[in-house]
């Protein structure tokens, strides 16, 4: 098994080193707020969306965060 402390170690996880904010920016750039709201219908994407309000919601709501992570993995 590879040692994650080894500087030559590369994770196969597409989320390794990617913050929730980075994921959200990428998804908004690729799909826009309306496209994101179509894929994941939550209020913070549908009504007056912003990165800040969405991050607050996603950090408190594990099921929604998982949907964001899954959608981001599809792009990777």
PDB file of N, CA and C in Angstrom:
ATOM      1  N   UNK A   1       0.853  -1.180   0.000  1.00  0.00           N
ATOM      2  CA  UNK A   1       0.000   0.000   0.000  1.00  0.00           C
ATOM      3  C   UNK A   1       0.895   1.238   0.000  1.00  0.00           C
ATOM      4  N   UNK A   2       0.609   2.224  -0.860  1.00  0.00           N
ATOM      5  CA  UNK A   2       1.452   3.414  -0.924  1.00  0.00           C
ATOM      6  C   UNK A   2       1.362   4.242   0.356  1.00  0.00           C
ATOM      7  N   UNK A   3       2.438   4.894   0.661  1.00  0.00           N
ATOM      8  CA  UNK A   3       2.516   5.735   1.851  1.00  0.00           C
ATOM      9  C   UNK A   3       2.084   7.155   1.491  1.00  0.00           C
ATOM     10  N   UNK A   4       0.962   7.675   2.050  1.00  0.00           N
ATOM     11  CA  UNK A   4       0.483   9.016   1.691  1.00  0.00           C
ATOM     12  C   UNK A   4       1.419  10.138   2.135  1.00  0.00           C
ATOM     13  N   UNK A   5       2.377   9.843   3.002  1.00  0.00           N
ATOM     14  CA  UNK A   5       3.331  10.871   3.422  1.00  0.00           C
ATOM     15  C   UNK A   5       4.464  11.008   2.397  1.00  0.00           C
ATOM     16  N   UNK A   6       4.665   9.984   1.599  1.00  0.00           N
ATOM     17  CA  UNK A   6       5.686  10.005   0.555  1.00  0.00           C
ATOM     18  C   UNK A   6       5.373  11.126  -0.434  1.00  0.00           C
ATOM     19  N   UNK A   7       6.324  12.024  -0.741  1.00  0.00           N
ATOM     20  CA  UNK A   7       6.049  13.153  -1.645  1.00  0.00           C
ATOM     21  C   UNK A   7       5.703  12.732  -3.066  1.00  0.00           C
ATOM     22  N   UNK A   8       6.021  11.505  -3.450  1.00  0.00           N
ATOM     23  CA  UNK A   8       5.690  11.052  -4.798  1.00  0.00           C
ATOM     24  C   UNK A   8       4.316  10.379  -4.858  1.00  0.00           C
ATOM     25  N   UNK A   9       3.641  10.257  -3.710  1.00  0.00           N
ATOM     26  CA  UNK A   9       2.324   9.627  -3.640  1.00  0.00           C
ATOM     27  C   UNK A   9       1.299  10.482  -4.381  1.00  0.00           C
ATOM     28  N   UNK A  10       0.489   9.848  -5.213  1.00  0.00           N
ATOM     29  CA  UNK A  10      -0.607  10.527  -5.908  1.00  0.00           C
ATOM     30  C   UNK A  10      -1.900   9.782  -5.619  1.00  0.00           C
ATOM     31  N   UNK A  11      -2.845  10.502  -5.070  1.00  0.00           N
ATOM     32  CA  UNK A  11      -4.134   9.908  -4.749  1.00  0.00           C
ATOM     33  C   UNK A  11      -4.937   9.682  -6.027  1.00  0.00           C
ATOM     34  N   UNK A  12      -5.699   8.620  -6.053  1.00  0.00           N
ATOM     35  CA  UNK A  12      -6.589   8.360  -7.189  1.00  0.00           C
ATOM     36  C   UNK A  12      -7.957   8.994  -6.979  1.00  0.00           C
ATOM     37  N   UNK A  13      -8.189   9.546  -5.814  1.00  0.00           N
ATOM     38  CA  UNK A  13      -9.462  10.191  -5.505  1.00  0.00           C
ATOM     39  C   UNK A  13      -9.525  11.549  -6.206  1.00  0.00           C
ATOM     40  N   UNK A  14     -10.504  11.760  -7.093  1.00  0.00           N
ATOM     41  CA  UNK A  14     -10.594  13.043  -7.800  1.00  0.00           C
ATOM     42  C   UNK A  14     -10.915  14.221  -6.874  1.00  0.00           C
ATOM     43  N   UNK A  15     -11.330  13.943  -5.643  1.00  0.00           N
ATOM     44  CA  UNK A  15     -11.630  15.019  -4.697  1.00  0.00           C
ATOM     45  C   UNK A  15     -10.436  15.368  -3.819  1.00  0.00           C
ATOM     46  N   UNK A  16      -9.355  14.610  -3.935  1.00  0.00           N
ATOM     47  CA  UNK A  16      -8.176  14.865  -3.103  1.00  0.00           C
ATOM     48  C   UNK A  16      -7.629  16.264  -3.385  1.00  0.00           C
ATOM     49  N   UNK A  17      -7.583  17.085  -2.344  1.00  0.00           N
ATOM     50  CA  UNK A  17      -7.049  18.439  -2.468  1.00  0.00           C
ATOM     51  C   UNK A  17      -8.028  19.453  -3.040  1.00  0.00           C
ATOM     52  N   UNK A  18      -9.256  19.053  -3.283  1.00  0.00           N
ATOM     53  CA  UNK A  18     -10.265  19.954  -3.857  1.00  0.00           C
ATOM     54  C   UNK A  18     -11.230  20.358  -2.756  1.00  0.00           C
ATOM     55  N   UNK A  19     -11.372  21.654  -2.530  1.00  0.00           N
ATOM     56  CA  UNK A  19     -12.284  22.123  -1.495  1.00  0.00           C
ATOM     57  C   UNK A  19     -13.713  22.184  -2.041  1.00  0.00           C
ATOM     58  N   UNK A  20     -14.658  22.258  -1.139  1.00  0.00           N
ATOM     59  CA  UNK A  20     -16.059  22.394  -1.528  1.00  0.00           C
ATOM     60  C   UNK A  20     -16.257  23.671  -2.343  1.00  0.00           C
ATOM     61  N   UNK A  21     -15.589  24.726  -1.959  1.00  0.00           N
ATOM     62  CA  UNK A  21     -15.698  25.988  -2.688  1.00  0.00           C
ATOM     63  C   UNK A  21     -15.172  25.839  -4.122  1.00  0.00           C
ATOM     64  N   UNK A  22     -14.065  25.145  -4.285  1.00  0.00           N
ATOM     65  CA  UNK A  22     -13.506  24.920  -5.619  1.00  0.00           C
ATOM     66  C   UNK A  22     -14.483  24.114  -6.481  1.00  0.00           C
ATOM     67  N   UNK A  23     -15.095  23.088  -5.877  1.00  0.00           N
ATOM     68  CA  UNK A  23     -16.075  22.284  -6.607  1.00  0.00           C
ATOM     69  C   UNK A  23     -17.247  23.139  -7.057  1.00  0.00           C
ATOM     70  N   UNK A  24     -17.749  23.950  -6.135  1.00  0.00           N
ATOM     71  CA  UNK A  24     -18.909  24.776  -6.434  1.00  0.00           C
ATOM     72  C   UNK A  24     -18.600  25.785  -7.539  1.00  0.00           C
ATOM     73  N   UNK A  25     -17.447  26.431  -7.482  1.00  0.00           N
ATOM     74  CA  UNK A  25     -17.050  27.373  -8.542  1.00  0.00           C
ATOM     75  C   UNK A  25     -16.993  26.667  -9.900  1.00  0.00           C
ATOM     76  N   UNK A  26     -16.405  25.491  -9.937  1.00  0.00           N
ATOM     77  CA  UNK A  26     -16.290  24.748 -11.196  1.00  0.00           C
ATOM     78  C   UNK A  26     -17.664  24.376 -11.746  1.00  0.00           C
ATOM     79  N   UNK A  27     -18.540  23.894 -10.859  1.00  0.00           N
ATOM     80  CA  UNK A  27     -19.875  23.493 -11.305  1.00  0.00           C
ATOM     81  C   UNK A  27     -20.692  24.687 -11.787  1.00  0.00           C
ATOM     82  N   UNK A  28     -20.575  25.813 -11.101  1.00  0.00           N
ATOM     83  CA  UNK A  28     -21.300  27.022 -11.528  1.00  0.00           C
ATOM     84  C   UNK A  28     -20.744  27.509 -12.865  1.00  0.00           C
ATOM     85  N   UNK A  29     -19.426  27.456 -13.032  1.00  0.00           N
ATOM     86  CA  UNK A  29     -18.832  27.871 -14.311  1.00  0.00           C
ATOM     87  C   UNK A  29     -19.268  26.964 -15.453  1.00  0.00           C
ATOM     88  N   UNK A  30     -19.365  25.661 -15.183  1.00  0.00           N
ATOM     89  CA  UNK A  30     -19.731  24.713 -16.231  1.00  0.00           C
ATOM     90  C   UNK A  30     -21.225  24.686 -16.528  1.00  0.00           C
ATOM     91  N   UNK A  31     -22.053  24.752 -15.488  1.00  0.00           N
ATOM     92  CA  UNK A  31     -23.500  24.580 -15.668  1.00  0.00           C
ATOM     93  C   UNK A  31     -24.309  25.849 -15.443  1.00  0.00           C
ATOM     94  N   UNK A  32     -23.739  26.835 -14.753  1.00  0.00           N
ATOM     95  CA  UNK A  32     -24.506  28.016 -14.367  1.00  0.00           C
ATOM     96  C   UNK A  32     -25.429  27.669 -13.208  1.00  0.00           C
ATOM     97  N   UNK A  33     -25.940  28.688 -12.543  1.00  0.00           N
ATOM     98  CA  UNK A  33     -26.853  28.439 -11.420  1.00  0.00           C
ATOM     99  C   UNK A  33     -28.120  27.718 -11.852  1.00  0.00           C
ATOM    100  N   UNK A  34     -28.738  28.115 -12.991  1.00  0.00           N
ATOM    101  CA  UNK A  34     -29.954  27.394 -13.407  1.00  0.00           C
ATOM    102  C   UNK A  34     -29.695  25.911 -13.708  1.00  0.00           C
ATOM    103  N   UNK A  35     -28.570  25.614 -14.352  1.00  0.00           N
ATOM    104  CA  UNK A  35     -28.241  24.229 -14.652  1.00  0.00           C
ATOM    105  C   UNK A  35     -27.962  23.427 -13.398  1.00  0.00           C
ATOM    106  N   UNK A  36     -27.309  24.070 -12.439  1.00  0.00           N
ATOM    107  CA  UNK A  36     -27.036  23.409 -11.169  1.00  0.00           C
ATOM    108  C   UNK A  36     -28.339  23.148 -10.416  1.00  0.00           C
ATOM    109  N   UNK A  37     -29.252  24.110 -10.453  1.00  0.00           N
ATOM    110  CA  UNK A  37     -30.558  23.951  -9.797  1.00  0.00           C
ATOM    111  C   UNK A  37     -31.386  22.851 -10.463  1.00  0.00           C
ATOM    112  N   UNK A  38     -31.237  22.675 -11.772  1.00  0.00           N
ATOM    113  CA  UNK A  38     -31.938  21.582 -12.469  1.00  0.00           C
ATOM    114  C   UNK A  38     -31.415  20.226 -12.020  1.00  0.00           C
ATOM    115  N   UNK A  39     -30.111  20.141 -11.813  1.00  0.00           N
ATOM    116  CA  UNK A  39     -29.499  18.869 -11.436  1.00  0.00           C
ATOM    117  C   UNK A  39     -29.665  18.554  -9.954  1.00  0.00           C
ATOM    118  N   UNK A  40     -29.589  19.604  -9.122  1.00  0.00           N
ATOM    119  CA  UNK A  40     -29.732  19.446  -7.671  1.00  0.00           C
ATOM    120  C   UNK A  40     -30.715  20.519  -7.207  1.00  0.00           C
ATOM    121  N   UNK A  41     -31.994  20.180  -7.127  1.00  0.00           N
ATOM    122  CA  UNK A  41     -33.019  21.196  -6.837  1.00  0.00           C
ATOM    123  C   UNK A  41     -33.082  21.586  -5.353  1.00  0.00           C
ATOM    124  N   UNK A  42     -32.232  22.514  -4.967  1.00  0.00           N
ATOM    125  CA  UNK A  42     -32.267  23.068  -3.612  1.00  0.00           C
ATOM    126  C   UNK A  42     -32.420  24.584  -3.715  1.00  0.00           C
ATOM    127  N   UNK A  43     -33.034  25.162  -2.723  1.00  0.00           N
ATOM    128  CA  UNK A  43     -33.365  26.593  -2.745  1.00  0.00           C
ATOM    129  C   UNK A  43     -32.152  27.496  -2.934  1.00  0.00           C
ATOM    130  N   UNK A  44     -31.023  27.123  -2.339  1.00  0.00           N
ATOM    131  CA  UNK A  44     -29.852  28.003  -2.425  1.00  0.00           C
ATOM    132  C   UNK A  44     -29.310  28.091  -3.848  1.00  0.00           C
ATOM    133  N   UNK A  45     -29.700  27.171  -4.734  1.00  0.00           N
ATOM    134  CA  UNK A  45     -29.300  27.246  -6.137  1.00  0.00           C
ATOM    135  C   UNK A  45     -30.382  27.906  -6.993  1.00  0.00           C
ATOM    136  N   UNK A  46     -31.627  27.885  -6.504  1.00  0.00           N
ATOM    137  CA  UNK A  46     -32.750  28.370  -7.301  1.00  0.00           C
ATOM    138  C   UNK A  46     -33.073  29.846  -7.080  1.00  0.00           C
ATOM    139  N   UNK A  47     -32.989  30.303  -5.841  1.00  0.00           N
ATOM    140  CA  UNK A  47     -33.442  31.647  -5.504  1.00  0.00           C
ATOM    141  C   UNK A  47     -32.287  32.480  -4.958  1.00  0.00           C
ATOM    142  N   UNK A  48     -31.924  33.526  -5.692  1.00  0.00           N
ATOM    143  CA  UNK A  48     -30.856  34.441  -5.292  1.00  0.00           C
ATOM    144  C   UNK A  48     -29.579  33.674  -4.907  1.00  0.00           C
ATOM    145  N   UNK A  49     -29.061  32.848  -5.823  1.00  0.00           N
ATOM    146  CA  UNK A  49     -27.914  32.001  -5.487  1.00  0.00           C
ATOM    147  C   UNK A  49     -26.616  32.802  -5.320  1.00  0.00           C
ATOM    148  N   UNK A  50     -25.796  32.323  -4.428  1.00  0.00           N
ATOM    149  CA  UNK A  50     -24.449  32.876  -4.259  1.00  0.00           C
ATOM    150  C   UNK A  50     -23.555  31.762  -3.731  1.00  0.00           C
ATOM    151  N   UNK A  51     -22.276  31.928  -3.942  1.00  0.00           N
ATOM    152  CA  UNK A  51     -21.313  30.944  -3.451  1.00  0.00           C
ATOM    153  C   UNK A  51     -21.397  30.878  -1.929  1.00  0.00           C
ATOM    154  N   UNK A  52     -21.433  32.020  -1.270  1.00  0.00           N
ATOM    155  CA  UNK A  52     -21.438  32.070   0.190  1.00  0.00           C
ATOM    156  C   UNK A  52     -22.640  31.353   0.782  1.00  0.00           C
ATOM    157  N   UNK A  53     -23.839  31.666   0.300  1.00  0.00           N
ATOM    158  CA  UNK A  53     -25.030  31.025   0.868  1.00  0.00           C
ATOM    159  C   UNK A  53     -25.053  29.534   0.553  1.00  0.00           C
ATOM    160  N   UNK A  54     -24.588  29.168  -0.622  1.00  0.00           N
ATOM    161  CA  UNK A  54     -24.561  27.757  -0.992  1.00  0.00           C
ATOM    162  C   UNK A  54     -23.573  26.981  -0.131  1.00  0.00           C
ATOM    163  N   UNK A  55     -22.407  27.564   0.133  1.00  0.00           N
ATOM    164  CA  UNK A  55     -21.424  26.892   0.986  1.00  0.00           C
ATOM    165  C   UNK A  55     -21.970  26.681   2.391  1.00  0.00           C
ATOM    166  N   UNK A  56     -22.652  27.682   2.928  1.00  0.00           N
ATOM    167  CA  UNK A  56     -23.242  27.533   4.268  1.00  0.00           C
ATOM    168  C   UNK A  56     -24.217  26.361   4.296  1.00  0.00           C
ATOM    169  N   UNK A  57     -25.078  26.282   3.283  1.00  0.00           N
ATOM    170  CA  UNK A  57     -26.052  25.207   3.215  1.00  0.00           C
ATOM    171  C   UNK A  57     -25.370  23.847   3.038  1.00  0.00           C
ATOM    172  N   UNK A  58     -24.433  23.773   2.114  1.00  0.00           N
ATOM    173  CA  UNK A  58     -23.789  22.496   1.808  1.00  0.00           C
ATOM    174  C   UNK A  58     -22.974  21.965   2.979  1.00  0.00           C
ATOM    175  N   UNK A  59     -22.378  22.856   3.752  1.00  0.00           N
ATOM    176  CA  UNK A  59     -21.594  22.418   4.905  1.00  0.00           C
ATOM    177  C   UNK A  59     -22.476  21.851   6.015  1.00  0.00           C
ATOM    178  N   UNK A  60     -23.739  22.256   6.048  1.00  0.00           N
ATOM    179  CA  UNK A  60     -24.667  21.775   7.083  1.00  0.00           C
ATOM    180  C   UNK A  60     -25.496  20.583   6.619  1.00  0.00           C
ATOM    181  N   UNK A  61     -25.465  20.271   5.327  1.00  0.00           N
ATOM    182  CA  UNK A  61     -26.380  19.298   4.766  1.00  0.00           C
ATOM    183  C   UNK A  61     -25.608  18.204   4.015  1.00  0.00           C
ATOM    184  N   UNK A  62     -25.313  17.112   4.702  1.00  0.00           N
ATOM    185  CA  UNK A  62     -24.481  16.058   4.094  1.00  0.00           C
ATOM    186  C   UNK A  62     -25.038  15.478   2.790  1.00  0.00           C
ATOM    187  N   UNK A  63     -26.349  15.288   2.675  1.00  0.00           N
ATOM    188  CA  UNK A  63     -26.898  14.692   1.459  1.00  0.00           C
ATOM    189  C   UNK A  63     -26.690  15.609   0.257  1.00  0.00           C
ATOM    190  N   UNK A  64     -26.799  16.923   0.468  1.00  0.00           N
ATOM    191  CA  UNK A  64     -26.607  17.868  -0.639  1.00  0.00           C
ATOM    192  C   UNK A  64     -25.132  17.952  -1.021  1.00  0.00           C
ATOM    193  N   UNK A  65     -24.266  17.926  -0.018  1.00  0.00           N
ATOM    194  CA  UNK A  65     -22.823  17.948  -0.301  1.00  0.00           C
ATOM    195  C   UNK A  65     -22.426  16.712  -1.118  1.00  0.00           C
ATOM    196  N   UNK A  66     -22.992  15.563  -0.772  1.00  0.00           N
ATOM    197  CA  UNK A  66     -22.683  14.344  -1.522  1.00  0.00           C
ATOM    198  C   UNK A  66     -23.122  14.479  -2.976  1.00  0.00           C
ATOM    199  N   UNK A  67     -24.255  15.102  -3.208  1.00  0.00           N
ATOM    200  CA  UNK A  67     -24.715  15.303  -4.588  1.00  0.00           C
ATOM    201  C   UNK A  67     -23.750  16.203  -5.358  1.00  0.00           C
ATOM    202  N   UNK A  68     -23.243  17.240  -4.702  1.00  0.00           N
ATOM    203  CA  UNK A  68     -22.254  18.132  -5.326  1.00  0.00           C
ATOM    204  C   UNK A  68     -20.981  17.349  -5.645  1.00  0.00           C
ATOM    205  N   UNK A  69     -20.518  16.562  -4.691  1.00  0.00           N
ATOM    206  CA  UNK A  69     -19.308  15.770  -4.897  1.00  0.00           C
ATOM    207  C   UNK A  69     -19.497  14.769  -6.037  1.00  0.00           C
ATOM    208  N   UNK A  70     -20.648  14.123  -6.093  1.00  0.00           N
ATOM    209  CA  UNK A  70     -20.921  13.159  -7.157  1.00  0.00           C
ATOM    210  C   UNK A  70     -20.962  13.840  -8.524  1.00  0.00           C
ATOM    211  N   UNK A  71     -21.588  14.997  -8.594  1.00  0.00           N
ATOM    212  CA  UNK A  71     -21.644  15.743  -9.851  1.00  0.00           C
ATOM    213  C   UNK A  71     -20.243  16.194 -10.272  1.00  0.00           C
ATOM    214  N   UNK A  72     -19.449  16.637  -9.324  1.00  0.00           N
ATOM    215  CA  UNK A  72     -18.074  17.052  -9.605  1.00  0.00           C
ATOM    216  C   UNK A  72     -17.245  15.861 -10.108  1.00  0.00           C
ATOM    217  N   UNK A  73     -17.435  14.693  -9.519  1.00  0.00           N
ATOM    218  CA  UNK A  73     -16.704  13.493  -9.960  1.00  0.00           C
ATOM    219  C   UNK A  73     -17.027  13.155 -11.410  1.00  0.00           C
ATOM    220  N   UNK A  74     -18.252  13.419 -11.840  1.00  0.00           N
ATOM    221  CA  UNK A  74     -18.626  13.144 -13.222  1.00  0.00           C
ATOM    222  C   UNK A  74     -17.823  13.998 -14.191  1.00  0.00           C
ATOM    223  N   UNK A  75     -17.426  15.202 -13.753  1.00  0.00           N
ATOM    224  CA  UNK A  75     -16.635  16.095 -14.605  1.00  0.00           C
ATOM    225  C   UNK A  75     -15.171  15.680 -14.656  1.00  0.00           C
ATOM    226  N   UNK A  76     -14.705  15.064 -13.554  1.00  0.00           N
ATOM    227  CA  UNK A  76     -13.272  14.742 -13.450  1.00  0.00           C
ATOM    228  C   UNK A  76     -12.866  13.596 -14.332  1.00  0.00           C
TER     229      UNK A  76
END
